[in-house]
Amino acid sequence: MPVKPIPDGYSTVTPTITVHEAAKAIEFYKKAFDAQEIFRFPSPDGKTIMHAEIKIGNSIIMLNDEFPQMNCRSPQSIGGTGSSIFLYVNDADATFNKAVSAGAKPLVPLMNAFWGDRFGSIQDPFGHVWSIATHKKDMTSEEIKTAQEAFKNTCQ
């Protein structure tokens, strides 16, 4: 049987994040986002995680501990992150509040965003930023543009 170029259960794009203390991060993601641990491979010395996979909803996220000698560093080591993970869920309020209760820091308070989502963002204890949203309203590009203009006018 031929091997599938994209394995079952994976998407074309699969986020991979580096964290300081990957084992603790996995436990946080279980508490905050009901993540399921798929597996983990420890380093040869057993002190760190070389590769692990979790599943949140229908999406797999790969993660690993830092390996500075391979230029693999966490947001905590580099002083921030240049990316974020956008997480669509059934109840943004419940997920946001659960993440904050588990130790996340609120960055953008929950709001009814002009593009039709209930939206907010948090920073997890490991430095990664997560945008949490529930889609509430289907909108055309023109409707979003009009709503954005109205939103900008309220900010001035």
C-alpha atoms as a PDB file:
ATOM      1  CA  MET A   1       0.000   0.000   0.000  1.00  0.00           C
ATOM      2  CA  PRO A   2       1.399   3.457  -0.855  1.00  0.00           C
ATOM      3  CA  VAL A   3       2.326   5.790   1.993  1.00  0.00           C
ATOM      4  CA  LYS A   4       0.151   8.918   2.266  1.00  0.00           C
ATOM      5  CA  PRO A   5       2.135  12.132   1.754  1.00  0.00           C
ATOM      6  CA  ILE A   6       0.169  13.735   4.620  1.00  0.00           C
ATOM      7  CA  PRO A   7      -0.442  11.246   7.460  1.00  0.00           C
ATOM      8  CA  ASP A   8      -3.971  10.700   8.732  1.00  0.00           C
ATOM      9  CA  GLY A   9      -4.909  13.220  11.404  1.00  0.00           C
ATOM     10  CA  TYR A  10      -2.440  15.885  10.258  1.00  0.00           C
ATOM     11  CA  SER A  11      -3.103  19.101   8.356  1.00  0.00           C
ATOM     12  CA  THR A  12      -1.025  20.571   5.595  1.00  0.00           C
ATOM     13  CA  VAL A  13       0.324  23.065   8.163  1.00  0.00           C
ATOM     14  CA  THR A  14       1.160  21.744  11.625  1.00  0.00           C
ATOM     15  CA  PRO A  15       2.467  24.227  14.203  1.00  0.00           C
ATOM     16  CA  THR A  16       5.619  23.278  16.082  1.00  0.00           C
ATOM     17  CA  ILE A  17       6.537  25.220  19.201  1.00  0.00           C
ATOM     18  CA  THR A  18       9.625  25.230  21.386  1.00  0.00           C
ATOM     19  CA  VAL A  19       9.060  25.619  25.101  1.00  0.00           C
ATOM     20  CA  HIS A  20      11.154  25.768  28.235  1.00  0.00           C
ATOM     21  CA  GLU A  21      10.029  22.760  30.310  1.00  0.00           C
ATOM     22  CA  ALA A  22       7.975  20.945  27.682  1.00  0.00           C
ATOM     23  CA  ALA A  23       6.584  18.425  30.181  1.00  0.00           C
ATOM     24  CA  LYS A  24       5.070  21.278  32.224  1.00  0.00           C
ATOM     25  CA  ALA A  25       3.789  22.910  29.028  1.00  0.00           C
ATOM     26  CA  ILE A  26       1.971  19.713  28.037  1.00  0.00           C
ATOM     27  CA  GLU A  27       0.255  19.645  31.432  1.00  0.00           C
ATOM     28  CA  PHE A  28      -0.717  23.323  31.058  1.00  0.00           C
ATOM     29  CA  TYR A  29      -2.208  22.711  27.597  1.00  0.00           C
ATOM     30  CA  LYS A  30      -4.201  19.786  29.000  1.00  0.00           C
ATOM     31  CA  LYS A  31      -5.650  22.035  31.732  1.00  0.00           C
ATOM     32  CA  ALA A  32      -6.134  25.161  29.637  1.00  0.00           C
ATOM     33  CA  PHE A  33      -7.258  23.731  26.291  1.00  0.00           C
ATOM     34  CA  ASP A  34      -8.276  20.122  27.043  1.00  0.00           C
ATOM     35  CA  ALA A  35      -5.303  18.965  24.971  1.00  0.00           C
ATOM     36  CA  GLN A  36      -4.755  15.250  24.537  1.00  0.00           C
ATOM     37  CA  GLU A  37      -1.189  14.060  24.622  1.00  0.00           C
ATOM     38  CA  ILE A  38      -0.498  11.837  21.629  1.00  0.00           C
ATOM     39  CA  PHE A  39       3.070  10.920  22.520  1.00  0.00           C
ATOM     40  CA  ARG A  40       6.442  12.207  23.667  1.00  0.00           C
ATOM     41  CA  PHE A  41       9.999  11.181  22.883  1.00  0.00           C
ATOM     42  CA  PRO A  42      12.535  12.027  25.586  1.00  0.00           C
ATOM     43  CA  SER A  43      16.118  12.986  24.828  1.00  0.00           C
ATOM     44  CA  PRO A  44      18.686  10.196  25.229  1.00  0.00           C
ATOM     45  CA  ASP A  45      19.506  11.405  28.756  1.00  0.00           C
ATOM     46  CA  GLY A  46      15.771  11.510  29.612  1.00  0.00           C
ATOM     47  CA  LYS A  47      15.983  15.081  30.927  1.00  0.00           C
ATOM     48  CA  THR A  48      14.151  16.859  28.120  1.00  0.00           C
ATOM     49  CA  ILE A  49      11.547  16.204  25.462  1.00  0.00           C
ATOM     50  CA  MET A  50      12.965  16.008  21.947  1.00  0.00           C
ATOM     51  CA  HIS A  51       9.556  15.751  20.309  1.00  0.00           C
ATOM     52  CA  ALA A  52       5.986  15.539  21.561  1.00  0.00           C
ATOM     53  CA  GLU A  53       2.581  15.899  19.983  1.00  0.00           C
ATOM     54  CA  ILE A  54      -0.664  17.073  21.470  1.00  0.00           C
ATOM     55  CA  LYS A  55      -4.090  17.394  19.943  1.00  0.00           C
ATOM     56  CA  ILE A  56      -6.383  20.329  20.640  1.00  0.00           C
ATOM     57  CA  GLY A  57      -9.784  19.873  19.054  1.00  0.00           C
ATOM     58  CA  ASN A  58      -9.029  18.442  15.631  1.00  0.00           C
ATOM     59  CA  SER A  59      -5.512  19.914  15.355  1.00  0.00           C
ATOM     60  CA  ILE A  60      -2.120  18.500  16.183  1.00  0.00           C
ATOM     61  CA  ILE A  61       0.614  20.684  17.618  1.00  0.00           C
ATOM     62  CA  MET A  62       4.185  19.453  17.853  1.00  0.00           C
ATOM     63  CA  LEU A  63       6.394  20.704  20.654  1.00  0.00           C
ATOM     64  CA  ASN A  64       9.830  20.225  22.131  1.00  0.00           C
ATOM     65  CA  ASP A  65      12.162  21.513  24.797  1.00  0.00           C
ATOM     66  CA  GLU A  66      14.843  24.032  24.000  1.00  0.00           C
ATOM     67  CA  PHE A  67      18.031  22.856  22.339  1.00  0.00           C
ATOM     68  CA  PRO A  68      20.163  26.032  22.141  1.00  0.00           C
ATOM     69  CA  GLN A  69      23.037  24.133  20.523  1.00  0.00           C
ATOM     70  CA  MET A  70      20.681  23.552  17.571  1.00  0.00           C
ATOM     71  CA  ASN A  71      19.384  27.169  17.642  1.00  0.00           C
ATOM     72  CA  CYS A  72      16.086  25.910  19.017  1.00  0.00           C
ATOM     73  CA  ARG A  73      14.986  28.392  21.686  1.00  0.00           C
ATOM     74  CA  SER A  74      11.751  29.226  23.463  1.00  0.00           C
ATOM     75  CA  PRO A  75      10.068  32.645  23.661  1.00  0.00           C
ATOM     76  CA  GLN A  76      11.409  32.914  27.222  1.00  0.00           C
ATOM     77  CA  SER A  77      15.000  32.584  25.969  1.00  0.00           C
ATOM     78  CA  ILE A  78      14.642  35.018  23.078  1.00  0.00           C
ATOM     79  CA  GLY A  79      12.570  37.564  25.019  1.00  0.00           C
ATOM     80  CA  GLY A  80       9.281  37.227  23.140  1.00  0.00           C
ATOM     81  CA  THR A  81       7.633  35.540  20.208  1.00  0.00           C
ATOM     82  CA  GLY A  82       7.105  36.635  16.649  1.00  0.00           C
ATOM     83  CA  SER A  83       4.046  34.463  16.087  1.00  0.00           C
ATOM     84  CA  SER A  84       0.846  33.303  17.706  1.00  0.00           C
ATOM     85  CA  ILE A  85      -1.556  30.412  17.473  1.00  0.00           C
ATOM     86  CA  PHE A  86      -5.165  31.123  16.510  1.00  0.00           C
ATOM     87  CA  LEU A  87      -7.494  28.716  18.298  1.00  0.00           C
ATOM     88  CA  TYR A  88     -11.137  28.415  17.236  1.00  0.00           C
ATOM     89  CA  VAL A  89     -13.293  26.846  19.953  1.00  0.00           C
ATOM     90  CA  ASN A  90     -16.986  26.345  20.686  1.00  0.00           C
ATOM     91  CA  ASP A  91     -16.976  28.785  23.623  1.00  0.00           C
ATOM     92  CA  ALA A  92     -14.269  31.458  23.578  1.00  0.00           C
ATOM     93  CA  ASP A  93     -15.309  32.822  26.973  1.00  0.00           C
ATOM     94  CA  ALA A  94     -15.058  29.450  28.704  1.00  0.00           C
ATOM     95  CA  THR A  95     -11.732  28.587  27.041  1.00  0.00           C
ATOM     96  CA  PHE A  96     -10.229  32.027  27.707  1.00  0.00           C
ATOM     97  CA  ASN A  97     -11.252  31.912  31.370  1.00  0.00           C
ATOM     98  CA  LYS A  98     -10.036  28.311  31.748  1.00  0.00           C
ATOM     99  CA  ALA A  99      -6.642  29.261  30.287  1.00  0.00           C
ATOM    100  CA  VAL A 100      -6.340  32.249  32.628  1.00  0.00           C
ATOM    101  CA  SER A 101      -7.295  30.055  35.599  1.00  0.00           C
ATOM    102  CA  ALA A 102      -4.594  27.581  34.551  1.00  0.00           C
ATOM    103  CA  GLY A 103      -1.962  30.353  34.607  1.00  0.00           C
ATOM    104  CA  ALA A 104      -2.194  32.246  31.309  1.00  0.00           C
ATOM    105  CA  LYS A 105      -1.878  36.024  31.195  1.00  0.00           C
ATOM    106  CA  PRO A 106      -4.703  37.924  29.438  1.00  0.00           C
ATOM    107  CA  LEU A 107      -3.396  40.153  26.627  1.00  0.00           C
ATOM    108  CA  VAL A 108      -6.508  41.203  24.703  1.00  0.00           C
ATOM    109  CA  PRO A 109      -9.735  41.036  26.710  1.00  0.00           C
ATOM    110  CA  LEU A 110     -12.596  39.092  25.186  1.00  0.00           C
ATOM    111  CA  MET A 111     -14.637  41.185  22.789  1.00  0.00           C
ATOM    112  CA  ASN A 112     -17.123  40.911  19.989  1.00  0.00           C
ATOM    113  CA  ALA A 113     -14.690  41.603  17.167  1.00  0.00           C
ATOM    114  CA  PHE A 114     -15.680  43.541  14.069  1.00  0.00           C
ATOM    115  CA  TRP A 115     -14.912  40.538  11.821  1.00  0.00           C
ATOM    116  CA  GLY A 116     -17.627  38.413  13.424  1.00  0.00           C
ATOM    117  CA  ASP A 117     -15.725  36.465  16.091  1.00  0.00           C
ATOM    118  CA  ARG A 118     -15.893  36.501  19.870  1.00  0.00           C
ATOM    119  CA  PHE A 119     -12.168  37.044  20.382  1.00  0.00           C
ATOM    120  CA  GLY A 120      -9.433  37.521  22.980  1.00  0.00           C
ATOM    121  CA  SER A 121      -5.806  36.564  23.424  1.00  0.00           C
ATOM    122  CA  ILE A 122      -3.598  35.207  26.179  1.00  0.00           C
ATOM    123  CA  GLN A 123       0.056  34.472  26.749  1.00  0.00           C
ATOM    124  CA  ASP A 124       0.729  31.038  28.165  1.00  0.00           C
ATOM    125  CA  PRO A 125       3.260  30.597  31.007  1.00  0.00           C
ATOM    126  CA  PHE A 126       5.841  29.516  28.404  1.00  0.00           C
ATOM    127  CA  GLY A 127       5.688  32.721  26.346  1.00  0.00           C
ATOM    128  CA  HIS A 128       3.460  31.637  23.470  1.00  0.00           C
ATOM    129  CA  VAL A 129       0.529  33.839  22.462  1.00  0.00           C
ATOM    130  CA  TRP A 130      -2.834  32.218  21.737  1.00  0.00           C
ATOM    131  CA  SER A 131      -5.733  34.027  20.071  1.00  0.00           C
ATOM    132  CA  ILE A 132      -8.962  32.387  21.209  1.00  0.00           C
ATOM    133  CA  ALA A 133     -12.106  32.807  19.133  1.00  0.00           C
ATOM    134  CA  THR A 134     -15.595  31.541  18.478  1.00  0.00           C
ATOM    135  CA  HIS A 135     -17.040  32.470  15.098  1.00  0.00           C
ATOM    136  CA  LYS A 136     -20.362  34.209  15.691  1.00  0.00           C
ATOM    137  CA  LYS A 137     -21.309  35.838  12.406  1.00  0.00           C
ATOM    138  CA  ASP A 138     -20.567  35.084   8.763  1.00  0.00           C
ATOM    139  CA  MET A 139     -19.657  38.319   6.994  1.00  0.00           C
ATOM    140  CA  THR A 140     -18.631  39.280   3.479  1.00  0.00           C
ATOM    141  CA  SER A 141     -15.344  41.105   2.906  1.00  0.00           C
ATOM    142  CA  GLU A 142     -17.304  44.298   2.327  1.00  0.00           C
ATOM    143  CA  GLU A 143     -19.224  43.906   5.610  1.00  0.00           C
ATOM    144  CA  ILE A 144     -15.950  43.348   7.467  1.00  0.00           C
ATOM    145  CA  LYS A 145     -14.425  46.442   5.854  1.00  0.00           C
ATOM    146  CA  THR A 146     -17.446  48.561   6.844  1.00  0.00           C
ATOM    147  CA  ALA A 147     -17.346  47.175  10.394  1.00  0.00           C
ATOM    148  CA  GLN A 148     -13.612  47.842  10.588  1.00  0.00           C
ATOM    149  CA  GLU A 149     -14.130  51.491   9.605  1.00  0.00           C
ATOM    150  CA  ALA A 150     -16.813  51.865  12.266  1.00  0.00           C
ATOM    151  CA  PHE A 151     -14.481  50.225  14.804  1.00  0.00           C
ATOM    152  CA  LYS A 152     -11.609  52.573  13.886  1.00  0.00           C
ATOM    153  CA  ASN A 153     -13.909  55.569  14.366  1.00  0.00           C
ATOM    154  CA  THR A 154     -14.739  54.445  17.917  1.00  0.00           C
ATOM    155  CA  CYS A 155     -11.009  54.241  18.746  1.00  0.00           C
ATOM    156  CA  GLN A 156     -10.203  57.843  17.805  1.00  0.00           C
END
